[in-house]
Full PDB file with SEQRES, HELIX, SHEET, SSBOND, CRYST1, ORIGX, SCALE, CONECT and MASTER records, all heavy atoms in Angstrom:
SEQRES   1 A   31  ASP CYS LYS GLN GLU PRO LEU GLU GLU HIS LYS ALA LYS          
SEQRES   2 A   31  VAL ILE LYS PHE THR ASN PRO LYS THR GLY LEU GLU ALA          
SEQRES   3 A   31  TYR LEU ASN LEU PRO                                          
SHEET    1 AA1 3 LYS A   3  GLU A   5  0                                        
SHEET    2 AA1 3 VAL A  14  THR A  18 -1                                        
SHEET    3 AA1 3 GLU A  25  ASN A  29 -1                                        
CRYST1    1.000    1.000    1.000  90.00  90.00  90.00 P 1           1          
ORIGX1      1.000000  0.000000  0.000000        0.00000                         
ORIGX2      0.000000  1.000000  0.000000        0.00000                         
ORIGX3      0.000000  0.000000  1.000000        0.00000                         
SCALE1      1.000000  0.000000  0.000000        0.00000                         
SCALE2      0.000000  1.000000  0.000000        0.00000                         
SCALE3      0.000000  0.000000  1.000000        0.00000                         
ATOM      1  N   ASP A   1      53.079 162.911  69.998  1.00  0.00           N  
ATOM      2  CA  ASP A   1      52.777 164.081  69.168  1.00  0.00           C  
ATOM      3  C   ASP A   1      54.007 164.806  68.632  1.00  0.00           C  
ATOM      4  O   ASP A   1      53.947 166.003  68.330  1.00  0.00           O  
ATOM      5  CB  ASP A   1      51.878 165.071  69.918  1.00  0.00           C  
ATOM      6  CG  ASP A   1      50.542 164.456  70.276  1.00  0.00           C  
ATOM      7  OD1 ASP A   1      50.026 163.664  69.464  1.00  0.00           O  
ATOM      8  OD2 ASP A   1      50.016 164.761  71.367  1.00  0.00           O  
ATOM      9  N   CYS A   2      55.127 164.100  68.527  1.00  0.00           N  
ATOM     10  CA  CYS A   2      56.295 164.688  67.880  1.00  0.00           C  
ATOM     11  C   CYS A   2      56.067 164.648  66.375  1.00  0.00           C  
ATOM     12  O   CYS A   2      55.413 163.748  65.861  1.00  0.00           O  
ATOM     13  CB  CYS A   2      57.561 163.926  68.255  1.00  0.00           C  
ATOM     14  SG  CYS A   2      57.972 164.104  70.004  1.00  0.00           S  
ATOM     15  N   LYS A   3      56.585 165.632  65.701  1.00  0.00           N  
ATOM     16  CA  LYS A   3      56.360 165.770  64.265  1.00  0.00           C  
ATOM     17  C   LYS A   3      57.617 165.425  63.479  1.00  0.00           C  
ATOM     18  O   LYS A   3      58.723 165.791  63.860  1.00  0.00           O  
ATOM     19  CB  LYS A   3      55.948 167.210  63.931  1.00  0.00           C  
ATOM     20  CG  LYS A   3      54.727 167.683  64.680  1.00  0.00           C  
ATOM     21  CD  LYS A   3      53.513 166.897  64.297  1.00  0.00           C  
ATOM     22  CE  LYS A   3      52.312 167.402  65.086  1.00  0.00           C  
ATOM     23  NZ  LYS A   3      51.237 166.439  65.116  1.00  0.00           N  
ATOM     24  N   GLN A   4      57.409 164.727  62.385  1.00  0.00           N  
ATOM     25  CA  GLN A   4      58.508 164.418  61.475  1.00  0.00           C  
ATOM     26  C   GLN A   4      58.735 165.643  60.595  1.00  0.00           C  
ATOM     27  O   GLN A   4      57.800 166.182  60.019  1.00  0.00           O  
ATOM     28  CB  GLN A   4      58.152 163.200  60.640  1.00  0.00           C  
ATOM     29  CG  GLN A   4      59.262 162.722  59.769  1.00  0.00           C  
ATOM     30  CD  GLN A   4      58.892 161.434  59.054  1.00  0.00           C  
ATOM     31  OE1 GLN A   4      58.049 160.680  59.496  1.00  0.00           O  
ATOM     32  NE2 GLN A   4      59.533 161.202  57.937  1.00  0.00           N  
ATOM     33  N   GLU A   5      59.973 166.102  60.527  1.00  0.00           N  
ATOM     34  CA  GLU A   5      60.315 167.303  59.776  1.00  0.00           C  
ATOM     35  C   GLU A   5      61.222 166.956  58.602  1.00  0.00           C  
ATOM     36  O   GLU A   5      62.064 166.072  58.710  1.00  0.00           O  
ATOM     37  CB  GLU A   5      61.047 168.299  60.680  1.00  0.00           C  
ATOM     38  CG  GLU A   5      60.255 168.747  61.886  1.00  0.00           C  
ATOM     39  CD  GLU A   5      59.176 169.748  61.558  1.00  0.00           C  
ATOM     40  OE1 GLU A   5      59.333 170.468  60.555  1.00  0.00           O  
ATOM     41  OE2 GLU A   5      58.175 169.797  62.284  1.00  0.00           O  
ATOM     42  N   PRO A   6      61.103 167.681  57.510  1.00  0.00           N  
ATOM     43  CA  PRO A   6      62.026 167.453  56.387  1.00  0.00           C  
ATOM     44  C   PRO A   6      63.407 168.036  56.686  1.00  0.00           C  
ATOM     45  O   PRO A   6      63.542 168.985  57.448  1.00  0.00           O  
ATOM     46  CB  PRO A   6      61.362 168.205  55.231  1.00  0.00           C  
ATOM     47  CG  PRO A   6      60.531 169.255  55.894  1.00  0.00           C  
ATOM     48  CD  PRO A   6      60.093 168.679  57.213  1.00  0.00           C  
ATOM     49  N   LEU A   7      64.407 167.453  56.086  1.00  0.00           N  
ATOM     50  CA  LEU A   7      65.761 167.987  56.170  1.00  0.00           C  
ATOM     51  C   LEU A   7      65.953 168.889  54.958  1.00  0.00           C  
ATOM     52  O   LEU A   7      65.924 168.428  53.824  1.00  0.00           O  
ATOM     53  CB  LEU A   7      66.790 166.861  56.165  1.00  0.00           C  
ATOM     54  CG  LEU A   7      66.751 165.925  57.365  1.00  0.00           C  
ATOM     55  CD1 LEU A   7      67.731 164.779  57.167  1.00  0.00           C  
ATOM     56  CD2 LEU A   7      67.094 166.674  58.638  1.00  0.00           C  
ATOM     57  N   GLU A   8      66.136 170.171  55.196  1.00  0.00           N  
ATOM     58  CA  GLU A   8      66.186 171.131  54.099  1.00  0.00           C  
ATOM     59  C   GLU A   8      67.520 171.136  53.358  1.00  0.00           C  
ATOM     60  O   GLU A   8      67.569 171.178  52.146  1.00  0.00           O  
ATOM     61  CB  GLU A   8      65.924 172.557  54.619  1.00  0.00           C  
ATOM     62  CG  GLU A   8      64.565 172.754  55.248  1.00  0.00           C  
ATOM     63  CD  GLU A   8      64.577 172.546  56.749  1.00  0.00           C  
ATOM     64  OE1 GLU A   8      65.645 172.656  57.362  1.00  0.00           O  
ATOM     65  OE2 GLU A   8      63.509 172.255  57.296  1.00  0.00           O  
ATOM     66  N   GLU A   9      68.618 171.131  54.081  1.00  0.00           N  
ATOM     67  CA  GLU A   9      69.917 171.396  53.483  1.00  0.00           C  
ATOM     68  C   GLU A   9      70.515 170.227  52.717  1.00  0.00           C  
ATOM     69  O   GLU A   9      71.197 170.422  51.736  1.00  0.00           O  
ATOM     70  CB  GLU A   9      70.894 171.839  54.567  1.00  0.00           C  
ATOM     71  CG  GLU A   9      70.497 173.162  55.197  1.00  0.00           C  
ATOM     72  CD  GLU A   9      71.460 173.578  56.276  1.00  0.00           C  
ATOM     73  OE1 GLU A   9      72.575 173.023  56.323  1.00  0.00           O  
ATOM     74  OE2 GLU A   9      71.104 174.436  57.067  1.00  0.00           O  
ATOM     75  N   HIS A  10      70.291 169.027  53.170  1.00  0.00           N  
ATOM     76  CA  HIS A  10      70.923 167.882  52.518  1.00  0.00           C  
ATOM     77  C   HIS A  10      70.039 166.656  52.666  1.00  0.00           C  
ATOM     78  O   HIS A  10      69.152 166.620  53.500  1.00  0.00           O  
ATOM     79  CB  HIS A  10      72.293 167.612  53.130  1.00  0.00           C  
ATOM     80  CG  HIS A  10      72.233 167.333  54.598  1.00  0.00           C  
ATOM     81  ND1 HIS A  10      72.130 168.321  55.538  1.00  0.00           N  
ATOM     82  CD2 HIS A  10      72.242 166.175  55.288  1.00  0.00           C  
ATOM     83  CE1 HIS A  10      72.087 167.792  56.738  1.00  0.00           C  
ATOM     84  NE2 HIS A  10      72.151 166.489  56.623  1.00  0.00           N  
ATOM     85  N   LYS A  11      70.307 165.713  51.840  1.00  0.00           N  
ATOM     86  CA  LYS A  11      69.588 164.455  51.933  1.00  0.00           C  
ATOM     87  C   LYS A  11      70.455 163.488  52.715  1.00  0.00           C  
ATOM     88  O   LYS A  11      71.589 163.214  52.340  1.00  0.00           O  
ATOM     89  CB  LYS A  11      69.286 163.892  50.551  1.00  0.00           C  
ATOM     90  CG  LYS A  11      68.306 164.739  49.784  1.00  0.00           C  
ATOM     91  CD  LYS A  11      68.013 164.132  48.437  1.00  0.00           C  
ATOM     92  CE  LYS A  11      67.046 165.005  47.674  1.00  0.00           C  
ATOM     93  NZ  LYS A  11      66.734 164.481  46.354  1.00  0.00           N  
ATOM     94  N   ALA A  12      69.934 163.008  53.796  1.00  0.00           N  
ATOM     95  CA  ALA A  12      70.667 162.072  54.632  1.00  0.00           C  
ATOM     96  C   ALA A  12      69.761 160.896  54.949  1.00  0.00           C  
ATOM     97  O   ALA A  12      68.549 160.967  54.766  1.00  0.00           O  
ATOM     98  CB  ALA A  12      71.116 162.766  55.911  1.00  0.00           C  
ATOM     99  N   LYS A  13      70.363 159.859  55.444  1.00  0.00           N  
ATOM    100  CA  LYS A  13      69.596 158.669  55.786  1.00  0.00           C  
ATOM    101  C   LYS A  13      69.117 158.742  57.226  1.00  0.00           C  
ATOM    102  O   LYS A  13      69.327 157.839  58.021  1.00  0.00           O  
ATOM    103  CB  LYS A  13      70.435 157.425  55.546  1.00  0.00           C  
ATOM    104  CG  LYS A  13      70.754 157.237  54.078  1.00  0.00           C  
ATOM    105  CD  LYS A  13      71.536 155.978  53.836  1.00  0.00           C  
ATOM    106  CE  LYS A  13      71.793 155.829  52.352  1.00  0.00           C  
ATOM    107  NZ  LYS A  13      72.461 154.595  52.021  1.00  0.00           N  
ATOM    108  N   VAL A  14      68.492 159.879  57.569  1.00  0.00           N  
ATOM    109  CA  VAL A  14      67.931 160.091  58.899  1.00  0.00           C  
ATOM    110  C   VAL A  14      66.600 160.820  58.777  1.00  0.00           C  
ATOM    111  O   VAL A  14      66.297 161.430  57.762  1.00  0.00           O  
ATOM    112  CB  VAL A  14      68.869 160.919  59.811  1.00  0.00           C  
ATOM    113  CG1 VAL A  14      70.163 160.189  60.084  1.00  0.00           C  
ATOM    114  CG2 VAL A  14      69.132 162.284  59.237  1.00  0.00           C  
ATOM    115  N   ILE A  15      65.810 160.729  59.848  1.00  0.00           N  
ATOM    116  CA  ILE A  15      64.566 161.471  59.968  1.00  0.00           C  
ATOM    117  C   ILE A  15      64.741 162.447  61.120  1.00  0.00           C  
ATOM    118  O   ILE A  15      65.255 162.085  62.177  1.00  0.00           O  
ATOM    119  CB  ILE A  15      63.381 160.534  60.289  1.00  0.00           C  
ATOM    120  CG1 ILE A  15      63.143 159.551  59.166  1.00  0.00           C  
ATOM    121  CG2 ILE A  15      62.119 161.342  60.552  1.00  0.00           C  
ATOM    122  CD1 ILE A  15      62.085 158.520  59.498  1.00  0.00           C  
ATOM    123  N   LYS A  16      64.301 163.661  60.920  1.00  0.00           N  
ATOM    124  CA  LYS A  16      64.334 164.661  61.978  1.00  0.00           C  
ATOM    125  C   LYS A  16      62.954 164.726  62.625  1.00  0.00           C  
ATOM    126  O   LYS A  16      61.941 164.811  61.931  1.00  0.00           O  
ATOM    127  CB  LYS A  16      64.696 166.033  61.405  1.00  0.00           C  
ATOM    128  CG  LYS A  16      64.683 167.143  62.417  1.00  0.00           C  
ATOM    129  CD  LYS A  16      65.001 168.477  61.750  1.00  0.00           C  
ATOM    130  CE  LYS A  16      64.916 169.628  62.707  1.00  0.00           C  
ATOM    131  NZ  LYS A  16      65.174 170.910  62.032  1.00  0.00           N  
ATOM    132  N   PHE A  17      62.936 164.668  63.959  1.00  0.00           N  
ATOM    133  CA  PHE A  17      61.701 164.821  64.715  1.00  0.00           C  
ATOM    134  C   PHE A  17      61.803 166.068  65.570  1.00  0.00           C  
ATOM    135  O   PHE A  17      62.869 166.369  66.105  1.00  0.00           O  
ATOM    136  CB  PHE A  17      61.466 163.625  65.641  1.00  0.00           C  
ATOM    137  CG  PHE A  17      61.035 162.387  64.923  1.00  0.00           C  
ATOM    138  CD1 PHE A  17      61.953 161.397  64.631  1.00  0.00           C  
ATOM    139  CD2 PHE A  17      59.722 162.203  64.542  1.00  0.00           C  
ATOM    140  CE1 PHE A  17      61.569 160.247  63.973  1.00  0.00           C  
ATOM    141  CE2 PHE A  17      59.330 161.057  63.871  1.00  0.00           C  
ATOM    142  CZ  PHE A  17      60.250 160.071  63.591  1.00  0.00           C  
ATOM    143  N   THR A  18      60.698 166.784  65.713  1.00  0.00           N  
ATOM    144  CA  THR A  18      60.635 167.900  66.646  1.00  0.00           C  
ATOM    145  C   THR A  18      59.435 167.700  67.557  1.00  0.00           C  
ATOM    146  O   THR A  18      58.425 167.123  67.153  1.00  0.00           O  
ATOM    147  CB  THR A  18      60.505 169.256  65.934  1.00  0.00           C  
ATOM    148  OG1 THR A  18      59.353 169.232  65.101  1.00  0.00           O  
ATOM    149  CG2 THR A  18      61.727 169.571  65.107  1.00  0.00           C  
ATOM    150  N   ASN A  19      59.587 168.167  68.779  1.00  0.00           N  
ATOM    151  CA  ASN A  19      58.493 168.140  69.731  1.00  0.00           C  
ATOM    152  C   ASN A  19      57.920 169.547  69.768  1.00  0.00           C  
ATOM    153  O   ASN A  19      58.559 170.457  70.289  1.00  0.00           O  
ATOM    154  CB  ASN A  19      59.002 167.719  71.110  1.00  0.00           C  
ATOM    155  CG  ASN A  19      57.886 167.554  72.110  1.00  0.00           C  
ATOM    156  OD1 ASN A  19      56.802 168.102  71.939  1.00  0.00           O  
ATOM    157  ND2 ASN A  19      58.145 166.805  73.158  1.00  0.00           N  
ATOM    158  N   PRO A  20      56.716 169.759  69.219  1.00  0.00           N  
ATOM    159  CA  PRO A  20      56.161 171.109  69.170  1.00  0.00           C  
ATOM    160  C   PRO A  20      55.891 171.710  70.553  1.00  0.00           C  
ATOM    161  O   PRO A  20      55.861 172.917  70.708  1.00  0.00           O  
ATOM    162  CB  PRO A  20      54.866 170.959  68.372  1.00  0.00           C  
ATOM    163  CG  PRO A  20      54.626 169.522  68.198  1.00  0.00           C  
ATOM    164  CD  PRO A  20      55.848 168.778  68.584  1.00  0.00           C  
ATOM    165  N   LYS A  21      55.749 170.857  71.558  1.00  0.00           N  
ATOM    166  CA  LYS A  21      55.484 171.355  72.909  1.00  0.00           C  
ATOM    167  C   LYS A  21      56.736 171.959  73.548  1.00  0.00           C  
ATOM    168  O   LYS A  21      56.643 172.877  74.344  1.00  0.00           O  
ATOM    169  CB  LYS A  21      54.973 170.218  73.793  1.00  0.00           C  
ATOM    170  CG  LYS A  21      53.649 169.645  73.329  1.00  0.00           C  
ATOM    171  CD  LYS A  21      53.264 168.449  74.153  1.00  0.00           C  
ATOM    172  CE  LYS A  21      52.034 167.783  73.567  1.00  0.00           C  
ATOM    173  NZ  LYS A  21      51.745 166.505  74.211  1.00  0.00           N  
ATOM    174  N   THR A  22      57.899 171.419  73.200  1.00  0.00           N  
ATOM    175  CA  THR A  22      59.137 171.857  73.840  1.00  0.00           C  
ATOM    176  C   THR A  22      60.110 172.535  72.874  1.00  0.00           C  
ATOM    177  O   THR A  22      61.044 173.190  73.309  1.00  0.00           O  
ATOM    178  CB  THR A  22      59.874 170.660  74.467  1.00  0.00           C  
ATOM    179  OG1 THR A  22      60.220 169.743  73.425  1.00  0.00           O  
ATOM    180  CG2 THR A  22      59.019 169.967  75.514  1.00  0.00           C  
ATOM    181  N   GLY A  23      59.912 172.326  71.567  1.00  0.00           N  
ATOM    182  CA  GLY A  23      60.837 172.868  70.578  1.00  0.00           C  
ATOM    183  C   GLY A  23      62.111 172.047  70.443  1.00  0.00           C  
ATOM    184  O   GLY A  23      63.026 172.426  69.715  1.00  0.00           O  
ATOM    185  N   LEU A  24      62.195 170.909  71.127  1.00  0.00           N  
ATOM    186  CA  LEU A  24      63.387 170.068  71.077  1.00  0.00           C  
ATOM    187  C   LEU A  24      63.363 169.194  69.829  1.00  0.00           C  
ATOM    188  O   LEU A  24      62.306 168.918  69.270  1.00  0.00           O  
ATOM    189  CB  LEU A  24      63.462 169.202  72.340  1.00  0.00           C  
ATOM    190  CG  LEU A  24      63.536 169.980  73.656  1.00  0.00           C  
ATOM    191  CD1 LEU A  24      63.412 169.033  74.839  1.00  0.00           C  
ATOM    192  CD2 LEU A  24      64.815 170.774  73.735  1.00  0.00           C  
ATOM    193  N   GLU A  25      64.553 168.732  69.403  1.00  0.00           N  
ATOM    194  CA  GLU A  25      64.635 167.904  68.203  1.00  0.00           C  
ATOM    195  C   GLU A  25      65.613 166.754  68.392  1.00  0.00           C  
ATOM    196  O   GLU A  25      66.503 166.808  69.234  1.00  0.00           O  
ATOM    197  CB  GLU A  25      65.038 168.740  66.998  1.00  0.00           C  
ATOM    198  CG  GLU A  25      66.396 169.375  67.110  1.00  0.00           C  
ATOM    199  CD  GLU A  25      66.712 170.274  65.931  1.00  0.00           C  
ATOM    200  OE1 GLU A  25      65.831 171.005  65.463  1.00  0.00           O  
ATOM    201  OE2 GLU A  25      67.875 170.229  65.478  1.00  0.00           O  
ATOM    202  N   ALA A  26      65.408 165.708  67.587  1.00  0.00           N  
ATOM    203  CA  ALA A  26      66.290 164.543  67.590  1.00  0.00           C  
ATOM    204  C   ALA A  26      66.213 163.899  66.213  1.00  0.00           C  
ATOM    205  O   ALA A  26      65.312 164.185  65.423  1.00  0.00           O  
ATOM    206  CB  ALA A  26      65.878 163.547  68.668  1.00  0.00           C  
ATOM    207  N   TYR A  27      67.170 163.031  65.943  1.00  0.00           N  
ATOM    208  CA  TYR A  27      67.265 162.366  64.644  1.00  0.00           C  
ATOM    209  C   TYR A  27      67.244 160.853  64.827  1.00  0.00           C  
ATOM    210  O   TYR A  27      67.820 160.333  65.777  1.00  0.00           O  
ATOM    211  CB  TYR A  27      68.555 162.777  63.931  1.00  0.00           C  
ATOM    212  CG  TYR A  27      68.590 164.253  63.620  1.00  0.00           C  
ATOM    213  CD1 TYR A  27      69.050 165.173  64.559  1.00  0.00           C  
ATOM    214  CD2 TYR A  27      68.141 164.725  62.405  1.00  0.00           C  
ATOM    215  CE1 TYR A  27      69.064 166.531  64.282  1.00  0.00           C  
ATOM    216  CE2 TYR A  27      68.155 166.082  62.105  1.00  0.00           C  
ATOM    217  CZ  TYR A  27      68.618 166.975  63.058  1.00  0.00           C  
ATOM    218  OH  TYR A  27      68.627 168.319  62.781  1.00  0.00           O  
ATOM    219  N   LEU A  28      66.597 160.162  63.897  1.00  0.00           N  
ATOM    220  CA  LEU A  28      66.510 158.707  63.898  1.00  0.00           C  
ATOM    221  C   LEU A  28      67.002 158.201  62.550  1.00  0.00           C  
ATOM    222  O   LEU A  28      66.591 158.712  61.504  1.00  0.00           O  
ATOM    223  CB  LEU A  28      65.065 158.263  64.141  1.00  0.00           C  
ATOM    224  CG  LEU A  28      64.775 156.777  64.150  1.00  0.00           C  
ATOM    225  CD1 LEU A  28      65.543 156.065  65.262  1.00  0.00           C  
ATOM    226  CD2 LEU A  28      63.275 156.520  64.305  1.00  0.00           C  
ATOM    227  N   ASN A  29      67.883 157.210  62.585  1.00  0.00           N  
ATOM    228  CA  ASN A  29      68.431 156.643  61.347  1.00  0.00           C  
ATOM    229  C   ASN A  29      67.373 155.898  60.545  1.00  0.00           C  
ATOM    230  O   ASN A  29      66.456 155.302  61.101  1.00  0.00           O  
ATOM    231  CB  ASN A  29      69.575 155.672  61.659  1.00  0.00           C  
ATOM    232  CG  ASN A  29      70.794 156.374  62.187  1.00  0.00           C  
ATOM    233  OD1 ASN A  29      71.038 157.529  61.892  1.00  0.00           O  
ATOM    234  ND2 ASN A  29      71.569 155.667  62.979  1.00  0.00           N  
ATOM    235  N   LEU A  30      67.533 155.932  59.243  1.00  0.00           N  
ATOM    236  CA  LEU A  30      66.684 155.174  58.330  1.00  0.00           C  
ATOM    237  C   LEU A  30      67.396 153.890  57.948  1.00  0.00           C  
ATOM    238  O   LEU A  30      68.614 153.818  58.077  1.00  0.00           O  
ATOM    239  CB  LEU A  30      66.407 155.994  57.069  1.00  0.00           C  
ATOM    240  CG  LEU A  30      65.487 157.192  57.236  1.00  0.00           C  
ATOM    241  CD1 LEU A  30      65.439 157.977  55.934  1.00  0.00           C  
ATOM    242  CD2 LEU A  30      64.098 156.756  57.626  1.00  0.00           C  
ATOM    243  N   PRO A  31      66.759 152.891  57.455  1.00  0.00           N  
ATOM    244  CA  PRO A  31      65.322 152.775  57.256  1.00  0.00           C  
ATOM    245  C   PRO A  31      64.606 152.436  58.563  1.00  0.00           C  
ATOM    246  O   PRO A  31      65.230 151.973  59.514  1.00  0.00           O  
ATOM    247  CB  PRO A  31      65.200 151.634  56.251  1.00  0.00           C  
ATOM    248  CG  PRO A  31      66.360 150.747  56.550  1.00  0.00           C  
ATOM    249  CD  PRO A  31      67.472 151.691  56.969  1.00  0.00           C  
TER     250      PRO A  31                                                      
MASTER        0    0    0    0    3    0    0    6  249    1    0    3          
END                                                                             
């Protein structure tokens, strides 16, 4: 149930995920 979040400030070749239960975040490289 982690959510994929948009990157607001810049376009990068990563995806930002957040865990709504804990508020923690991590990034995964694309593609």
